C-alpha atoms as a PDB file:
ATOM      1  CA  MET A   1     -25.924 -19.411  14.211  1.00  0.00           C
ATOM      2  CA  ALA A   2     -28.729 -21.169  16.504  1.00  0.00           C
ATOM      3  CA  THR A   3     -31.537 -20.999  13.296  1.00  0.00           C
ATOM      4  CA  SER A   4     -30.193 -23.927  10.937  1.00  0.00           C
ATOM      5  CA  LEU A   5     -29.086 -21.592   7.696  1.00  0.00           C
ATOM      6  CA  ASP A   6     -31.259 -24.199   5.650  1.00  0.00           C
ATOM      7  CA  ARG A   7     -34.741 -22.904   7.292  1.00  0.00           C
ATOM      8  CA  LEU A   8     -33.738 -19.266   5.661  1.00  0.00           C
ATOM      9  CA  PRO A   9     -34.652 -17.985   2.356  1.00  0.00           C
ATOM     10  CA  THR A  10     -31.547 -18.781   0.611  1.00  0.00           C
ATOM     11  CA  ARG A  11     -30.370 -15.075  -0.350  1.00  0.00           C
ATOM     12  CA  LYS A  12     -31.071 -13.874   3.190  1.00  0.00           C
ATOM     13  CA  ALA A  13     -28.884 -16.802   4.549  1.00  0.00           C
ATOM     14  CA  LEU A  14     -26.583 -16.147   2.260  1.00  0.00           C
ATOM     15  CA  SER A  15     -26.235 -12.342   3.404  1.00  0.00           C
ATOM     16  CA  ASN A  16     -25.828 -13.017   7.168  1.00  0.00           C
ATOM     17  CA  ILE A  17     -22.868 -15.383   6.468  1.00  0.00           C
ATOM     18  CA  ALA A  18     -21.376 -12.713   4.405  1.00  0.00           C
ATOM     19  CA  GLN A  19     -21.920 -10.569   7.934  1.00  0.00           C
ATOM     20  CA  ASP A  20     -20.982 -13.125  10.081  1.00  0.00           C
ATOM     21  CA  PHE A  21     -17.657 -14.024   7.881  1.00  0.00           C
ATOM     22  CA  TYR A  22     -16.505 -10.405   7.335  1.00  0.00           C
ATOM     23  CA  MET A  23     -16.914  -9.837  11.238  1.00  0.00           C
ATOM     24  CA  ARG A  24     -14.178 -13.284  11.715  1.00  0.00           C
ATOM     25  CA  GLY A  25     -11.905 -11.031   9.172  1.00  0.00           C
ATOM     26  CA  TRP A  26     -12.553 -13.937   6.727  1.00  0.00           C
ATOM     27  CA  MET A  27     -14.037 -11.364   3.634  1.00  0.00           C
ATOM     28  CA  ALA A  28     -12.391  -8.251   4.801  1.00  0.00           C
ATOM     29  CA  GLY A  29     -12.981  -5.385   2.229  1.00  0.00           C
ATOM     30  CA  THR A  30     -15.172  -6.439  -1.189  1.00  0.00           C
ATOM     31  CA  ALA A  31     -13.048  -9.838  -0.816  1.00  0.00           C
ATOM     32  CA  GLY A  32     -14.230 -13.310  -1.076  1.00  0.00           C
ATOM     33  CA  ASN A  33     -17.866 -14.821  -2.747  1.00  0.00           C
ATOM     34  CA  LEU A  34     -20.774 -16.936  -1.607  1.00  0.00           C
ATOM     35  CA  SER A  35     -23.288 -19.318  -3.629  1.00  0.00           C
ATOM     36  CA  ALA A  36     -26.303 -21.532  -3.328  1.00  0.00           C
ATOM     37  CA  ILE A  37     -28.311 -23.357  -5.144  1.00  0.00           C
ATOM     38  CA  SER A  38     -32.111 -21.511  -6.069  1.00  0.00           C
ATOM     39  CA  ASN A  39     -34.583 -23.355  -4.604  1.00  0.00           C
ATOM     40  CA  LYS A  40     -36.814 -22.680  -7.241  1.00  0.00           C
ATOM     41  CA  ASN A  41     -34.536 -23.041  -9.867  1.00  0.00           C
ATOM     42  CA  PRO A  42     -32.226 -25.959  -9.024  1.00  0.00           C
ATOM     43  CA  ASP A  43     -30.318 -25.132 -12.468  1.00  0.00           C
ATOM     44  CA  CYS A  44     -29.297 -21.942 -11.402  1.00  0.00           C
ATOM     45  CA  PHE A  45     -27.216 -20.898  -8.078  1.00  0.00           C
ATOM     46  CA  TRP A  46     -27.318 -17.230  -6.460  1.00  0.00           C
ATOM     47  CA  ILE A  47     -23.695 -15.714  -6.323  1.00  0.00           C
ATOM     48  CA  THR A  48     -22.553 -12.390  -4.586  1.00  0.00           C
ATOM     49  CA  SER A  49     -22.303  -9.024  -7.006  1.00  0.00           C
ATOM     50  CA  SER A  50     -18.790  -8.386  -7.508  1.00  0.00           C
ATOM     51  CA  GLY A  51     -16.804  -5.865  -5.813  1.00  0.00           C
ATOM     52  CA  LEU A  52     -19.646  -5.425  -2.676  1.00  0.00           C
ATOM     53  CA  PRO A  53     -18.533  -4.616   0.858  1.00  0.00           C
ATOM     54  CA  LYS A  54     -19.221  -8.405   2.388  1.00  0.00           C
ATOM     55  CA  GLY A  55     -20.393  -6.617   5.762  1.00  0.00           C
ATOM     56  CA  HIS A  56     -22.992  -5.097   4.358  1.00  0.00           C
ATOM     57  CA  LEU A  57     -24.933  -6.786   1.958  1.00  0.00           C
ATOM     58  CA  ASP A  58     -28.657  -7.316   1.211  1.00  0.00           C
ATOM     59  CA  THR A  59     -30.612 -10.075   0.051  1.00  0.00           C
ATOM     60  CA  TYR A  60     -30.539  -7.756  -3.717  1.00  0.00           C
ATOM     61  CA  ASP A  61     -26.976  -7.952  -3.797  1.00  0.00           C
ATOM     62  CA  PHE A  62     -26.831 -11.568  -5.461  1.00  0.00           C
ATOM     63  CA  ILE A  63     -27.242 -12.542  -9.003  1.00  0.00           C
ATOM     64  CA  LEU A  64     -28.843 -15.676 -10.057  1.00  0.00           C
ATOM     65  CA  ILE A  65     -26.685 -18.051 -12.518  1.00  0.00           C
ATOM     66  CA  ASN A  66     -27.348 -20.757 -14.960  1.00  0.00           C
ATOM     67  CA  ILE A  67     -25.123 -23.793 -13.861  1.00  0.00           C
ATOM     68  CA  THR A  68     -24.676 -25.264 -17.469  1.00  0.00           C
ATOM     69  CA  SER A  69     -24.723 -22.030 -19.582  1.00  0.00           C
ATOM     70  CA  ASN A  70     -22.946 -19.662 -17.065  1.00  0.00           C
ATOM     71  CA  GLU A  71     -25.572 -17.060 -18.092  1.00  0.00           C
ATOM     72  CA  VAL A  72     -27.153 -14.622 -15.829  1.00  0.00           C
ATOM     73  CA  ALA A  73     -30.714 -15.634 -15.479  1.00  0.00           C
ATOM     74  CA  HIS A  74     -31.859 -12.774 -12.826  1.00  0.00           C
ATOM     75  CA  ARG A  75     -30.143  -9.852 -11.457  1.00  0.00           C
ATOM     76  CA  TYR A  76     -31.958  -6.768  -9.189  1.00  0.00           C
ATOM     77  CA  ASN A  77     -29.440  -4.402 -10.246  1.00  0.00           C
ATOM     78  CA  ASP A  78     -28.609  -3.587 -13.763  1.00  0.00           C
ATOM     79  CA  ASP A  79     -25.107  -2.415 -13.715  1.00  0.00           C
ATOM     80  CA  ALA A  80     -24.334  -5.613 -11.146  1.00  0.00           C
ATOM     81  CA  ASN A  81     -21.644  -8.019 -12.169  1.00  0.00           C
ATOM     82  CA  PRO A  82     -21.447 -11.302 -11.000  1.00  0.00           C
ATOM     83  CA  SER A  83     -18.083 -12.363  -8.976  1.00  0.00           C
ATOM     84  CA  ALA A  84     -15.219 -12.895 -10.542  1.00  0.00           C
ATOM     85  CA  GLU A  85     -14.791 -16.721  -9.060  1.00  0.00           C
ATOM     86  CA  THR A  86     -17.983 -17.897 -10.587  1.00  0.00           C
ATOM     87  CA  SER A  87     -16.164 -20.089 -12.829  1.00  0.00           C
ATOM     88  CA  ILE A  88     -15.101 -21.707  -9.723  1.00  0.00           C
ATOM     89  CA  HIS A  89     -18.531 -22.148  -8.482  1.00  0.00           C
ATOM     90  CA  LYS A  90     -19.861 -23.107 -11.428  1.00  0.00           C
ATOM     91  CA  VAL A  91     -17.318 -26.143 -11.579  1.00  0.00           C
ATOM     92  CA  VAL A  92     -17.957 -27.058  -8.261  1.00  0.00           C
ATOM     93  CA  TYR A  93     -21.385 -27.773  -8.716  1.00  0.00           C
ATOM     94  CA  GLN A  94     -21.183 -29.202 -12.244  1.00  0.00           C
ATOM     95  CA  LEU A  95     -18.396 -31.713 -10.419  1.00  0.00           C
ATOM     96  CA  PHE A  96     -20.176 -32.642  -7.709  1.00  0.00           C
ATOM     97  CA  PRO A  97     -23.915 -32.423  -8.128  1.00  0.00           C
ATOM     98  CA  ASP A  98     -25.064 -32.969  -4.307  1.00  0.00           C
ATOM     99  CA  THR A  99     -23.623 -29.772  -3.733  1.00  0.00           C
ATOM    100  CA  LYS A 100     -26.275 -27.065  -1.998  1.00  0.00           C
ATOM    101  CA  ALA A 101     -23.893 -24.272  -1.311  1.00  0.00           C
ATOM    102  CA  CYS A 102     -20.241 -23.178  -2.152  1.00  0.00           C
ATOM    103  CA  PHE A 103     -18.268 -20.564  -0.236  1.00  0.00           C
ATOM    104  CA  HIS A 104     -14.928 -18.606  -0.863  1.00  0.00           C
ATOM    105  CA  VAL A 105     -13.411 -16.641   1.897  1.00  0.00           C
ATOM    106  CA  HIS A 106      -9.830 -15.062   2.733  1.00  0.00           C
ATOM    107  CA  SER A 107      -8.327 -15.332   5.922  1.00  0.00           C
ATOM    108  CA  VAL A 108      -4.556 -14.431   6.962  1.00  0.00           C
ATOM    109  CA  ASP A 109      -4.176 -17.669   8.929  1.00  0.00           C
ATOM    110  CA  ALA A 110      -5.111 -20.120   5.406  1.00  0.00           C
ATOM    111  CA  CYS A 111      -2.146 -18.147   3.390  1.00  0.00           C
ATOM    112  CA  ILE A 112      -0.069 -18.202   6.473  1.00  0.00           C
ATOM    113  CA  ALA A 113      -0.387 -22.256   6.342  1.00  0.00           C
ATOM    114  CA  ALA A 114       0.067 -22.462   2.953  1.00  0.00           C
ATOM    115  CA  SER A 115       2.665 -20.536   2.205  1.00  0.00           C
ATOM    116  CA  GLY A 116       5.574 -22.918   3.660  1.00  0.00           C
ATOM    117  CA  ILE A 117       4.563 -25.485   1.005  1.00  0.00           C
ATOM    118  CA  ALA A 118       6.501 -26.112  -1.895  1.00  0.00           C
ATOM    119  CA  ALA A 119       6.048 -24.266  -5.017  1.00  0.00           C
ATOM    120  CA  ASN A 120       6.047 -27.841  -6.848  1.00  0.00           C
ATOM    121  CA  GLU A 121       3.295 -29.281  -4.486  1.00  0.00           C
ATOM    122  CA  ASN A 122      -0.394 -29.829  -5.326  1.00  0.00           C
ATOM    123  CA  HIS A 123      -1.332 -30.535  -1.785  1.00  0.00           C
ATOM    124  CA  MET A 124      -0.902 -29.782   1.692  1.00  0.00           C
ATOM    125  CA  SER A 125      -1.421 -31.741   4.675  1.00  0.00           C
ATOM    126  CA  LEU A 126      -4.167 -31.278   7.235  1.00  0.00           C
ATOM    127  CA  PRO A 127      -3.391 -32.199  11.176  1.00  0.00           C
ATOM    128  CA  ALA A 128      -4.993 -35.519  12.473  1.00  0.00           C
ATOM    129  CA  LEU A 129      -7.047 -33.608  15.133  1.00  0.00           C
ATOM    130  CA  GLU A 130     -10.911 -34.386  16.358  1.00  0.00           C
ATOM    131  CA  MET A 131     -11.915 -31.588  13.889  1.00  0.00           C
ATOM    132  CA  LEU A 132     -11.625 -33.731  10.879  1.00  0.00           C
ATOM    133  CA  LYS A 133     -14.538 -35.654  11.650  1.00  0.00           C
ATOM    134  CA  GLY A 134     -16.505 -32.518  11.042  1.00  0.00           C
ATOM    135  CA  LEU A 135     -15.464 -33.428   7.517  1.00  0.00           C
ATOM    136  CA  ASP A 136     -16.421 -36.944   7.501  1.00  0.00           C
ATOM    137  CA  ILE A 137     -12.927 -38.334   8.528  1.00  0.00           C
ATOM    138  CA  LEU A 138     -13.098 -40.802  10.891  1.00  0.00           C
ATOM    139  CA  GLN A 139      -9.838 -42.914  11.142  1.00  0.00           C
ATOM    140  CA  GLN A 140      -8.402 -42.906  14.349  1.00  0.00           C
ATOM    141  CA  THR A 141      -5.219 -41.203  13.025  1.00  0.00           C
ATOM    142  CA  PRO A 142      -5.795 -39.804   9.870  1.00  0.00           C
ATOM    143  CA  GLU A 143      -3.637 -38.425   6.771  1.00  0.00           C
ATOM    144  CA  VAL A 144      -5.408 -36.414   4.724  1.00  0.00           C
ATOM    145  CA  ASN A 145      -4.670 -33.940   2.209  1.00  0.00           C
ATOM    146  CA  LEU A 146      -6.016 -30.324   1.109  1.00  0.00           C
ATOM    147  CA  ALA A 147      -6.111 -30.075  -2.943  1.00  0.00           C
ATOM    148  CA  LEU A 148      -3.585 -26.651  -3.413  1.00  0.00           C
ATOM    149  CA  PHE A 149      -3.718 -24.534  -6.257  1.00  0.00           C
ATOM    150  CA  ASP A 150      -1.801 -21.719  -7.659  1.00  0.00           C
ATOM    151  CA  ASN A 151      -3.492 -18.109  -7.576  1.00  0.00           C
ATOM    152  CA  LEU A 152      -3.674 -17.156 -11.380  1.00  0.00           C
ATOM    153  CA  LEU A 153      -4.595 -13.783 -12.575  1.00  0.00           C
ATOM    154  CA  ASP A 154      -7.447 -15.443 -15.046  1.00  0.00           C
ATOM    155  CA  VAL A 155      -9.466 -17.119 -12.834  1.00  0.00           C
ATOM    156  CA  SER A 156     -11.218 -19.224 -15.534  1.00  0.00           C
ATOM    157  CA  GLU A 157      -7.777 -20.997 -15.556  1.00  0.00           C
ATOM    158  CA  ILE A 158      -7.894 -21.886 -11.639  1.00  0.00           C
ATOM    159  CA  ALA A 159     -11.438 -23.283 -12.452  1.00  0.00           C
ATOM    160  CA  GLU A 160     -10.085 -25.134 -15.686  1.00  0.00           C
ATOM    161  CA  GLN A 161      -7.377 -26.832 -13.398  1.00  0.00           C
ATOM    162  CA  ILE A 162      -9.477 -27.976 -10.457  1.00  0.00           C
ATOM    163  CA  GLN A 163     -12.263 -29.282 -13.086  1.00  0.00           C
ATOM    164  CA  GLN A 164      -9.577 -31.532 -14.545  1.00  0.00           C
ATOM    165  CA  ARG A 165      -7.569 -32.158 -11.502  1.00  0.00           C
ATOM    166  CA  PHE A 166     -10.985 -33.284  -9.362  1.00  0.00           C
ATOM    167  CA  GLN A 167     -12.255 -35.324 -12.408  1.00  0.00           C
ATOM    168  CA  SER A 168      -9.360 -37.731 -12.431  1.00  0.00           C
ATOM    169  CA  ASN A 169      -8.665 -37.459  -8.935  1.00  0.00           C
ATOM    170  CA  PRO A 170     -11.544 -36.536  -6.613  1.00  0.00           C
ATOM    171  CA  PRO A 171     -10.316 -34.412  -3.431  1.00  0.00           C
ATOM    172  CA  GLU A 172     -10.283 -36.332  -0.189  1.00  0.00           C
ATOM    173  CA  VAL A 173     -11.968 -33.178   1.640  1.00  0.00           C
ATOM    174  CA  PRO A 174     -14.863 -30.817  -0.011  1.00  0.00           C
ATOM    175  CA  ALA A 175     -12.230 -28.162  -0.160  1.00  0.00           C
ATOM    176  CA  LEU A 176      -9.355 -26.771  -1.759  1.00  0.00           C
ATOM    177  CA  MET A 177      -6.968 -23.770  -1.473  1.00  0.00           C
ATOM    178  CA  ILE A 178      -5.610 -21.497  -3.557  1.00  0.00           C
ATOM    179  CA  ARG A 179      -1.892 -20.044  -3.115  1.00  0.00           C
ATOM    180  CA  ASN A 180      -1.521 -16.358  -1.577  1.00  0.00           C
ATOM    181  CA  HIS A 181      -5.559 -16.294  -1.682  1.00  0.00           C
ATOM    182  CA  GLY A 182      -7.927 -18.465   0.532  1.00  0.00           C
ATOM    183  CA  ILE A 183     -10.041 -21.652   1.262  1.00  0.00           C
ATOM    184  CA  THR A 184     -13.259 -22.908  -1.167  1.00  0.00           C
ATOM    185  CA  VAL A 185     -15.364 -25.102   0.608  1.00  0.00           C
ATOM    186  CA  TRP A 186     -18.877 -26.836  -0.537  1.00  0.00           C
ATOM    187  CA  GLY A 187     -21.592 -28.578   1.196  1.00  0.00           C
ATOM    188  CA  THR A 188     -24.839 -30.449   0.649  1.00  0.00           C
ATOM    189  CA  SER A 189     -26.639 -27.869   2.483  1.00  0.00           C
ATOM    190  CA  LEU A 190     -26.097 -24.386   3.452  1.00  0.00           C
ATOM    191  CA  GLN A 191     -25.569 -25.570   7.390  1.00  0.00           C
ATOM    192  CA  GLN A 192     -23.361 -28.240   6.313  1.00  0.00           C
ATOM    193  CA  ALA A 193     -20.924 -25.672   3.936  1.00  0.00           C
ATOM    194  CA  TYR A 194     -20.871 -23.127   6.674  1.00  0.00           C
ATOM    195  CA  ASN A 195     -19.810 -25.320   9.338  1.00  0.00           C
ATOM    196  CA  ARG A 196     -17.191 -26.870   7.069  1.00  0.00           C
ATOM    197  CA  VAL A 197     -15.682 -23.345   6.848  1.00  0.00           C
ATOM    198  CA  GLU A 198     -15.023 -22.839  10.471  1.00  0.00           C
ATOM    199  CA  ILE A 199     -13.103 -26.512  10.348  1.00  0.00           C
ATOM    200  CA  ILE A 200     -10.927 -25.837   7.854  1.00  0.00           C
ATOM    201  CA  GLU A 201     -10.321 -22.349   8.884  1.00  0.00           C
ATOM    202  CA  PHE A 202      -9.696 -24.126  12.454  1.00  0.00           C
ATOM    203  CA  LEU A 203      -7.129 -26.277  10.606  1.00  0.00           C
ATOM    204  CA  MET A 204      -5.918 -23.572   8.526  1.00  0.00           C
ATOM    205  CA  SER A 205      -5.241 -21.670  12.245  1.00  0.00           C
ATOM    206  CA  TYR A 206      -3.655 -24.414  14.122  1.00  0.00           C
ATOM    207  CA  LEU A 207      -1.053 -25.043  10.950  1.00  0.00           C
ATOM    208  CA  ALA A 208      -0.002 -20.982  10.931  1.00  0.00           C
ATOM    209  CA  ARG A 209       0.734 -21.577  14.516  1.00  0.00           C
ATOM    210  CA  GLN A 210       2.820 -24.626  13.114  1.00  0.00           C
ATOM    211  CA  ALA A 211       4.504 -22.297  10.368  1.00  0.00           C
END
């Protein structure tokens, strides 16, 4: 995207990103969710409404959530509900206060890359490729792990596990992977989070080809 996403109104940027990720096959159907801190109310974040096709979102398909209370602060459609994974986004914003955007996508490559990791492992090793520089990893031959979590029907349990682990053991990179599900990535701006999704997905594609 030639224009920095942070120059756009927040909900417009999110709808553009959703269409982009949909076209790449990362948000097929209604899968995935995107959020960003509100410019007008930094105590809240906008997140995609549940059950909507991500390739066709408009600026009214987002719900404003209070980070502390988890209550809905605003919605444009009375029938709209927040994404099922709102609790994960909320935990990310609480744990990392400088975060301005958090994106969760579903890709085939990410699921394949994680499928070979033993069930008792809670991380996956990232390849020591040049692309790691985009995640602020600047060592010559870095050994970097991506936090790995099991996929649970109750998403709030995943969010609780993320909070417990990251409070005592901060992640090496601003991202995590949920088995059989997909990656969640965050950044200090919309553009940075977008770039980081691209980087993590590049690494997932590389690993998937090694599987």
